[in-house]
Amino acid sequence: GNPTAFERYADDLLKQRMGWIATDAAGGSKITFPIDLPPGECYVVYVAILKSYNGMGTMMVEVRDYGDKNKNSKPPKHSTKKKVDGLWQSPISVWNDVQITEDDVAGCTGYCEVDITTDPIISGRDGNKVKILTVSARRCSRVQN
């Protein structure tokens, strides 16, 4: 398989929960989602992931804010990184919205890119699955500095 690829498919019993899935134990699988919203506003970025008690891995999520689509002419205005873990103790598998950027820091101001890169499997875990359902954004709820 291609270690840099996520694949989009439904892996649940009823084949109803589509998602972008990576399972490579070595990590390094990467996917980028663009967010294209009206420039000049502040947006909070979320990634909805599958949280489960078994077989899940960790990922680094980076939001690069360009402000507008003319990203080739300049570096990002701001970059936010957050480590996210798909494993938890509760004996249930559910979707979980993870907030990546904050209300009080302009982490996305129009056009931004969300990079998700899987980490190598953590010793003692029985899998390294990362499943992404959605990437979304809302307006910031606090006044910016």
N, C-alpha and C. Protein backbone atom coordinates (compact mmCIF):
# COMPACT_ATOMS: atom_id res chain seq x y z
N GLY A 1 0.81 -1.20 0.00
CA GLY A 1 0.00 0.00 0.00
C GLY A 1 0.85 1.26 0.00
N ASN A 2 0.22 2.37 -0.25
CA ASN A 2 0.89 3.66 -0.26
C ASN A 2 0.86 4.23 1.16
N PRO A 3 2.03 4.35 1.81
CA PRO A 3 2.03 4.78 3.20
C PRO A 3 1.64 6.24 3.40
N THR A 4 1.57 7.03 2.32
CA THR A 4 1.20 8.44 2.49
C THR A 4 -0.29 8.65 2.29
N ALA A 5 -1.04 7.58 2.04
CA ALA A 5 -2.44 7.75 1.65
C ALA A 5 -3.42 7.37 2.76
N PHE A 6 -4.47 8.16 2.85
CA PHE A 6 -5.68 7.77 3.56
C PHE A 6 -6.61 7.23 2.48
N GLU A 7 -7.48 6.29 2.84
CA GLU A 7 -8.49 5.80 1.91
C GLU A 7 -9.85 6.14 2.47
N ARG A 8 -10.80 6.49 1.58
CA ARG A 8 -12.15 6.84 2.02
C ARG A 8 -13.06 5.62 1.81
N TYR A 9 -13.59 5.10 2.91
CA TYR A 9 -14.52 3.99 2.84
C TYR A 9 -15.26 3.86 4.17
N ALA A 10 -16.28 3.02 4.18
CA ALA A 10 -17.05 2.74 5.39
C ALA A 10 -16.57 1.40 5.95
N ASP A 11 -16.09 1.41 7.17
CA ASP A 11 -15.57 0.18 7.77
C ASP A 11 -16.45 -0.34 8.90
N ASP A 12 -17.61 0.28 9.11
CA ASP A 12 -18.51 -0.19 10.16
C ASP A 12 -19.35 -1.36 9.64
N LEU A 13 -20.00 -2.05 10.54
CA LEU A 13 -20.76 -3.26 10.20
C LEU A 13 -21.81 -3.02 9.13
N LEU A 14 -22.51 -1.90 9.21
CA LEU A 14 -23.59 -1.61 8.26
C LEU A 14 -23.10 -0.82 7.05
N LYS A 15 -21.81 -0.52 6.99
CA LYS A 15 -21.21 0.22 5.88
C LYS A 15 -21.88 1.57 5.65
N GLN A 16 -22.18 2.26 6.76
CA GLN A 16 -22.86 3.55 6.68
C GLN A 16 -22.00 4.72 7.12
N ARG A 17 -20.89 4.47 7.79
CA ARG A 17 -20.06 5.54 8.34
C ARG A 17 -18.81 5.73 7.49
N MET A 18 -18.95 6.54 6.42
CA MET A 18 -17.81 6.82 5.56
C MET A 18 -16.79 7.67 6.31
N GLY A 19 -15.54 7.45 6.00
CA GLY A 19 -14.48 8.27 6.61
C GLY A 19 -13.18 8.07 5.86
N TRP A 20 -12.22 8.93 6.13
CA TRP A 20 -10.88 8.79 5.58
C TRP A 20 -10.08 8.02 6.62
N ILE A 21 -9.57 6.85 6.23
CA ILE A 21 -8.99 5.90 7.17
C ILE A 21 -7.54 5.60 6.80
N ALA A 22 -6.68 5.59 7.82
CA ALA A 22 -5.29 5.16 7.66
C ALA A 22 -5.00 4.15 8.77
N THR A 23 -4.26 3.10 8.42
CA THR A 23 -3.97 2.05 9.41
C THR A 23 -2.49 1.65 9.46
N ASP A 24 -1.64 2.28 8.68
CA ASP A 24 -0.23 1.88 8.58
C ASP A 24 0.47 2.01 9.94
N ALA A 25 1.03 0.91 10.44
CA ALA A 25 1.70 0.91 11.74
C ALA A 25 2.90 1.85 11.77
N ALA A 26 3.51 2.09 10.61
CA ALA A 26 4.68 2.97 10.55
C ALA A 26 4.31 4.44 10.68
N GLY A 27 3.02 4.75 10.53
CA GLY A 27 2.60 6.15 10.55
C GLY A 27 3.00 6.84 9.26
N GLY A 28 2.94 8.16 9.27
CA GLY A 28 3.35 8.93 8.10
C GLY A 28 2.28 9.07 7.03
N SER A 29 1.09 8.49 7.25
CA SER A 29 -0.02 8.70 6.31
C SER A 29 -0.46 10.15 6.46
N LYS A 30 -0.72 10.81 5.33
CA LYS A 30 -1.03 12.24 5.37
C LYS A 30 -2.18 12.57 4.44
N ILE A 31 -3.04 13.50 4.90
CA ILE A 31 -4.13 13.99 4.09
C ILE A 31 -4.31 15.48 4.40
N THR A 32 -4.67 16.25 3.39
CA THR A 32 -4.88 17.69 3.56
C THR A 32 -6.29 18.05 3.12
N PHE A 33 -6.97 18.83 3.97
CA PHE A 33 -8.30 19.33 3.66
C PHE A 33 -8.25 20.85 3.58
N PRO A 34 -8.70 21.45 2.46
CA PRO A 34 -8.77 22.91 2.40
C PRO A 34 -10.06 23.41 3.05
N ILE A 35 -9.97 24.56 3.70
CA ILE A 35 -11.14 25.26 4.21
C ILE A 35 -11.14 26.61 3.53
N ASP A 36 -12.21 26.91 2.80
CA ASP A 36 -12.29 28.14 2.02
C ASP A 36 -13.51 28.93 2.45
N LEU A 37 -13.30 29.89 3.35
CA LEU A 37 -14.39 30.71 3.89
C LEU A 37 -14.11 32.18 3.58
N PRO A 38 -15.10 33.06 3.73
CA PRO A 38 -14.87 34.48 3.45
C PRO A 38 -13.69 35.01 4.27
N PRO A 39 -12.74 35.70 3.63
CA PRO A 39 -11.56 36.20 4.34
C PRO A 39 -11.90 37.34 5.29
N GLY A 40 -11.00 37.59 6.23
CA GLY A 40 -11.15 38.71 7.15
C GLY A 40 -11.93 38.38 8.41
N GLU A 41 -12.33 37.14 8.58
CA GLU A 41 -13.04 36.71 9.78
C GLU A 41 -12.12 35.76 10.56
N CYS A 42 -12.52 35.45 11.77
CA CYS A 42 -11.81 34.46 12.58
C CYS A 42 -12.68 33.20 12.64
N TYR A 43 -12.07 32.05 12.36
CA TYR A 43 -12.79 30.78 12.40
C TYR A 43 -12.08 29.79 13.31
N VAL A 44 -12.87 28.98 14.01
CA VAL A 44 -12.36 27.89 14.84
C VAL A 44 -12.52 26.60 14.05
N VAL A 45 -11.44 25.82 13.94
CA VAL A 45 -11.42 24.61 13.13
C VAL A 45 -11.59 23.38 14.02
N TYR A 46 -12.41 22.45 13.54
CA TYR A 46 -12.65 21.17 14.22
C TYR A 46 -12.36 20.02 13.28
N VAL A 47 -11.92 18.90 13.85
CA VAL A 47 -11.80 17.65 13.10
C VAL A 47 -12.60 16.60 13.86
N ALA A 48 -13.56 15.95 13.17
CA ALA A 48 -14.34 14.88 13.79
C ALA A 48 -13.63 13.56 13.51
N ILE A 49 -13.28 12.86 14.59
CA ILE A 49 -12.55 11.59 14.47
C ILE A 49 -13.35 10.48 15.16
N LEU A 50 -13.01 9.25 14.81
CA LEU A 50 -13.55 8.11 15.54
C LEU A 50 -12.71 7.91 16.79
N LYS A 51 -13.37 7.93 17.96
CA LYS A 51 -12.71 7.60 19.23
C LYS A 51 -13.18 6.20 19.60
N SER A 52 -12.23 5.35 19.99
CA SER A 52 -12.59 4.00 20.37
C SER A 52 -11.64 3.50 21.45
N TYR A 53 -11.96 2.36 22.03
CA TYR A 53 -11.21 1.77 23.13
C TYR A 53 -10.19 0.74 22.65
N ASN A 54 -10.08 0.58 21.32
CA ASN A 54 -9.32 -0.55 20.82
C ASN A 54 -8.76 -0.24 19.44
N GLY A 55 -7.46 -0.45 19.23
CA GLY A 55 -6.88 -0.40 17.89
C GLY A 55 -6.63 0.97 17.29
N MET A 56 -6.76 2.03 18.09
CA MET A 56 -6.67 3.38 17.53
C MET A 56 -5.27 3.97 17.69
N GLY A 57 -4.95 4.89 16.79
CA GLY A 57 -3.64 5.55 16.81
C GLY A 57 -3.74 7.03 17.10
N THR A 58 -2.59 7.69 16.99
CA THR A 58 -2.50 9.12 17.23
C THR A 58 -2.14 9.83 15.93
N MET A 59 -2.39 11.15 15.91
CA MET A 59 -2.11 11.93 14.72
C MET A 59 -1.71 13.34 15.13
N MET A 60 -0.99 14.02 14.23
CA MET A 60 -0.72 15.44 14.39
C MET A 60 -1.60 16.18 13.41
N VAL A 61 -2.36 17.15 13.92
CA VAL A 61 -3.22 17.98 13.08
C VAL A 61 -2.61 19.38 13.04
N GLU A 62 -2.38 19.88 11.84
CA GLU A 62 -1.85 21.23 11.68
C GLU A 62 -2.81 22.05 10.83
N VAL A 63 -3.15 23.24 11.31
CA VAL A 63 -3.96 24.19 10.55
C VAL A 63 -3.04 25.33 10.13
N ARG A 64 -2.89 25.50 8.81
CA ARG A 64 -2.09 26.59 8.26
C ARG A 64 -3.05 27.64 7.70
N ASP A 65 -2.96 28.85 8.24
CA ASP A 65 -3.86 29.93 7.83
C ASP A 65 -3.17 30.84 6.82
N TYR A 66 -3.78 30.97 5.64
CA TYR A 66 -3.25 31.86 4.60
C TYR A 66 -4.09 33.13 4.46
N GLY A 67 -5.28 33.16 5.04
CA GLY A 67 -6.14 34.33 4.94
C GLY A 67 -6.97 34.36 3.68
N ASP A 68 -6.33 34.11 2.54
CA ASP A 68 -7.05 34.05 1.27
C ASP A 68 -6.40 32.99 0.39
N LYS A 69 -6.96 32.75 -0.76
CA LYS A 69 -6.49 31.66 -1.62
C LYS A 69 -5.15 31.93 -2.29
N ASN A 70 -4.63 33.14 -2.20
CA ASN A 70 -3.37 33.49 -2.84
C ASN A 70 -2.18 33.00 -2.01
N LYS A 71 -2.23 31.72 -1.61
CA LYS A 71 -1.24 31.18 -0.68
C LYS A 71 0.15 31.01 -1.29
N ASN A 72 0.25 30.92 -2.60
CA ASN A 72 1.56 30.66 -3.22
C ASN A 72 2.51 31.84 -3.10
N SER A 73 1.97 33.02 -2.85
CA SER A 73 2.83 34.20 -2.81
C SER A 73 3.34 34.53 -1.41
N LYS A 74 2.93 33.75 -0.42
CA LYS A 74 3.34 34.09 0.94
C LYS A 74 3.30 32.86 1.85
N PRO A 75 4.07 32.91 2.94
CA PRO A 75 3.98 31.83 3.92
C PRO A 75 2.68 31.96 4.71
N PRO A 76 2.29 30.93 5.45
CA PRO A 76 1.07 31.04 6.27
C PRO A 76 1.18 32.19 7.26
N LYS A 77 0.04 32.85 7.52
CA LYS A 77 -0.01 33.90 8.53
C LYS A 77 0.14 33.31 9.93
N HIS A 78 -0.37 32.10 10.08
CA HIS A 78 -0.39 31.47 11.40
C HIS A 78 -0.45 29.96 11.21
N SER A 79 0.16 29.22 12.13
CA SER A 79 0.09 27.76 12.10
C SER A 79 -0.23 27.25 13.50
N THR A 80 -1.17 26.33 13.58
CA THR A 80 -1.56 25.72 14.85
C THR A 80 -1.38 24.21 14.73
N LYS A 81 -0.68 23.60 15.69
CA LYS A 81 -0.51 22.14 15.70
C LYS A 81 -1.10 21.56 16.98
N LYS A 82 -1.74 20.40 16.81
CA LYS A 82 -2.32 19.73 17.98
C LYS A 82 -2.20 18.23 17.79
N LYS A 83 -1.71 17.54 18.83
CA LYS A 83 -1.64 16.08 18.84
C LYS A 83 -3.01 15.56 19.26
N VAL A 84 -3.53 14.58 18.51
CA VAL A 84 -4.86 14.04 18.78
C VAL A 84 -4.75 12.52 18.89
N ASP A 85 -5.41 11.96 19.89
CA ASP A 85 -5.37 10.51 20.14
C ASP A 85 -6.77 9.93 19.92
N GLY A 86 -6.87 8.88 19.11
CA GLY A 86 -8.14 8.23 18.85
C GLY A 86 -8.53 7.20 19.89
N LEU A 87 -7.63 6.92 20.85
CA LEU A 87 -7.90 5.89 21.86
C LEU A 87 -8.42 6.53 23.14
N TRP A 88 -9.41 5.88 23.74
CA TRP A 88 -9.87 6.26 25.07
C TRP A 88 -10.30 5.03 25.81
N GLN A 89 -10.66 5.18 27.08
CA GLN A 89 -10.97 4.04 27.94
C GLN A 89 -12.41 3.56 27.84
N SER A 90 -13.34 4.45 27.49
CA SER A 90 -14.76 4.08 27.45
C SER A 90 -14.99 2.94 26.46
N PRO A 91 -15.75 1.90 26.85
CA PRO A 91 -15.96 0.75 25.96
C PRO A 91 -17.02 1.03 24.89
N ILE A 92 -16.80 2.09 24.11
CA ILE A 92 -17.73 2.47 23.06
C ILE A 92 -16.92 3.17 21.96
N SER A 93 -17.40 3.06 20.73
CA SER A 93 -16.78 3.74 19.60
C SER A 93 -17.75 4.79 19.09
N VAL A 94 -17.35 6.06 19.17
CA VAL A 94 -18.22 7.17 18.75
C VAL A 94 -17.39 8.25 18.07
N TRP A 95 -18.10 9.08 17.30
CA TRP A 95 -17.45 10.25 16.69
C TRP A 95 -17.21 11.29 17.76
N ASN A 96 -16.11 12.02 17.63
CA ASN A 96 -15.74 13.04 18.60
C ASN A 96 -15.21 14.25 17.85
N ASP A 97 -15.84 15.42 18.06
CA ASP A 97 -15.35 16.66 17.46
C ASP A 97 -14.20 17.20 18.30
N VAL A 98 -13.03 17.31 17.69
CA VAL A 98 -11.85 17.81 18.38
C VAL A 98 -11.59 19.23 17.90
N GLN A 99 -11.58 20.19 18.83
CA GLN A 99 -11.30 21.58 18.49
C GLN A 99 -9.80 21.74 18.31
N ILE A 100 -9.39 22.24 17.15
CA ILE A 100 -7.96 22.38 16.84
C ILE A 100 -7.47 23.80 17.11
N THR A 101 -8.19 24.81 16.63
CA THR A 101 -7.78 26.19 16.88
C THR A 101 -8.69 26.79 17.96
N GLU A 102 -8.26 27.91 18.53
CA GLU A 102 -8.96 28.50 19.67
C GLU A 102 -9.75 29.75 19.25
N ASP A 103 -10.70 30.13 20.10
CA ASP A 103 -11.50 31.33 19.86
C ASP A 103 -10.69 32.61 19.99
N ASP A 104 -9.70 32.62 20.87
CA ASP A 104 -8.98 33.86 21.17
C ASP A 104 -7.70 34.05 20.35
N VAL A 105 -7.42 33.11 19.43
CA VAL A 105 -6.28 33.25 18.51
C VAL A 105 -6.82 32.99 17.11
N ALA A 106 -6.55 33.90 16.20
CA ALA A 106 -7.07 33.76 14.83
C ALA A 106 -6.32 32.65 14.09
N GLY A 107 -6.74 31.41 14.30
CA GLY A 107 -6.07 30.26 13.71
C GLY A 107 -6.45 30.00 12.26
N CYS A 108 -7.60 30.53 11.84
CA CYS A 108 -8.04 30.45 10.44
C CYS A 108 -8.82 31.73 10.15
N THR A 109 -8.38 32.47 9.13
CA THR A 109 -9.02 33.76 8.83
C THR A 109 -9.58 33.81 7.42
N GLY A 110 -9.94 32.68 6.87
CA GLY A 110 -10.52 32.62 5.52
C GLY A 110 -10.13 31.32 4.84
N TYR A 111 -9.02 31.36 4.09
CA TYR A 111 -8.53 30.13 3.46
C TYR A 111 -7.45 29.53 4.35
N CYS A 112 -7.66 28.28 4.75
CA CYS A 112 -6.63 27.58 5.51
C CYS A 112 -6.62 26.12 5.08
N GLU A 113 -5.53 25.46 5.41
CA GLU A 113 -5.38 24.04 5.09
C GLU A 113 -5.17 23.26 6.37
N VAL A 114 -5.85 22.11 6.45
CA VAL A 114 -5.76 21.24 7.61
C VAL A 114 -5.01 19.98 7.19
N ASP A 115 -3.79 19.83 7.71
CA ASP A 115 -2.97 18.64 7.44
C ASP A 115 -3.13 17.67 8.60
N ILE A 116 -3.37 16.40 8.27
CA ILE A 116 -3.44 15.35 9.29
C ILE A 116 -2.40 14.31 8.92
N THR A 117 -1.48 14.04 9.85
CA THR A 117 -0.40 13.07 9.64
C THR A 117 -0.42 12.07 10.78
N THR A 118 -0.48 10.77 10.44
CA THR A 118 -0.51 9.75 11.48
C THR A 118 0.88 9.54 12.07
N ASP A 119 0.90 9.22 13.36
CA ASP A 119 2.14 8.90 14.06
C ASP A 119 2.40 7.40 13.98
N PRO A 120 3.65 6.98 14.21
CA PRO A 120 3.92 5.53 14.29
C PRO A 120 3.12 4.91 15.44
N ILE A 121 2.87 3.61 15.33
CA ILE A 121 2.10 2.91 16.36
C ILE A 121 2.79 3.05 17.72
N ILE A 122 1.98 3.23 18.75
CA ILE A 122 2.50 3.34 20.11
C ILE A 122 2.65 1.93 20.67
N SER A 123 3.82 1.66 21.26
CA SER A 123 4.12 0.35 21.83
C SER A 123 3.02 -0.08 22.79
N GLY A 124 2.57 -1.33 22.62
CA GLY A 124 1.54 -1.88 23.49
C GLY A 124 0.13 -1.76 22.93
N ARG A 125 -0.05 -0.96 21.87
CA ARG A 125 -1.38 -0.85 21.25
C ARG A 125 -1.55 -1.93 20.19
N ASP A 126 -2.79 -2.32 19.98
CA ASP A 126 -3.07 -3.41 19.04
C ASP A 126 -3.53 -2.90 17.68
N GLY A 127 -3.19 -1.68 17.36
CA GLY A 127 -3.53 -1.12 16.05
C GLY A 127 -3.12 0.33 15.97
N ASN A 128 -3.21 0.89 14.76
CA ASN A 128 -2.83 2.28 14.55
C ASN A 128 -3.83 2.98 13.63
N LYS A 129 -5.11 2.68 13.85
CA LYS A 129 -6.16 3.21 12.98
C LYS A 129 -6.48 4.66 13.32
N VAL A 130 -6.57 5.48 12.28
CA VAL A 130 -7.04 6.85 12.40
C VAL A 130 -8.19 6.98 11.40
N LYS A 131 -9.34 7.45 11.87
CA LYS A 131 -10.49 7.64 10.99
C LYS A 131 -11.04 9.06 11.17
N ILE A 132 -11.06 9.79 10.05
CA ILE A 132 -11.55 11.17 10.02
C ILE A 132 -12.94 11.16 9.38
N LEU A 133 -13.90 11.81 10.03
CA LEU A 133 -15.25 11.93 9.47
C LEU A 133 -15.42 13.26 8.74
N THR A 134 -15.18 14.35 9.44
CA THR A 134 -15.36 15.67 8.84
C THR A 134 -14.30 16.64 9.34
N VAL A 135 -14.11 17.70 8.57
CA VAL A 135 -13.36 18.87 9.00
C VAL A 135 -14.34 20.02 8.87
N SER A 136 -14.48 20.82 9.92
CA SER A 136 -15.47 21.89 9.90
C SER A 136 -14.92 23.13 10.60
N ALA A 137 -15.65 24.23 10.47
CA ALA A 137 -15.25 25.48 11.11
C ALA A 137 -16.49 26.28 11.49
N ARG A 138 -16.33 27.12 12.49
CA ARG A 138 -17.36 28.06 12.90
C ARG A 138 -16.68 29.40 13.18
N ARG A 139 -17.46 30.47 13.23
CA ARG A 139 -16.90 31.78 13.57
C ARG A 139 -16.42 31.78 15.02
N CYS A 140 -15.35 32.50 15.29
CA CYS A 140 -14.86 32.65 16.65
C CYS A 140 -15.91 33.37 17.51
N SER A 141 -15.97 33.00 18.77
CA SER A 141 -16.99 33.58 19.64
C SER A 141 -16.44 34.69 20.53
N ARG A 142 -15.14 34.94 20.48
CA ARG A 142 -14.55 36.01 21.29
C ARG A 142 -13.90 37.05 20.39
N VAL A 143 -13.80 38.25 20.91
CA VAL A 143 -13.15 39.33 20.16
C VAL A 143 -11.66 39.06 20.08
N GLN A 144 -11.07 39.32 18.91
CA GLN A 144 -9.66 39.07 18.69
C GLN A 144 -8.80 40.20 19.26
N ASN A 145 -7.57 39.84 19.64
CA ASN A 145 -6.60 40.85 20.11
C ASN A 145 -6.01 41.58 18.93
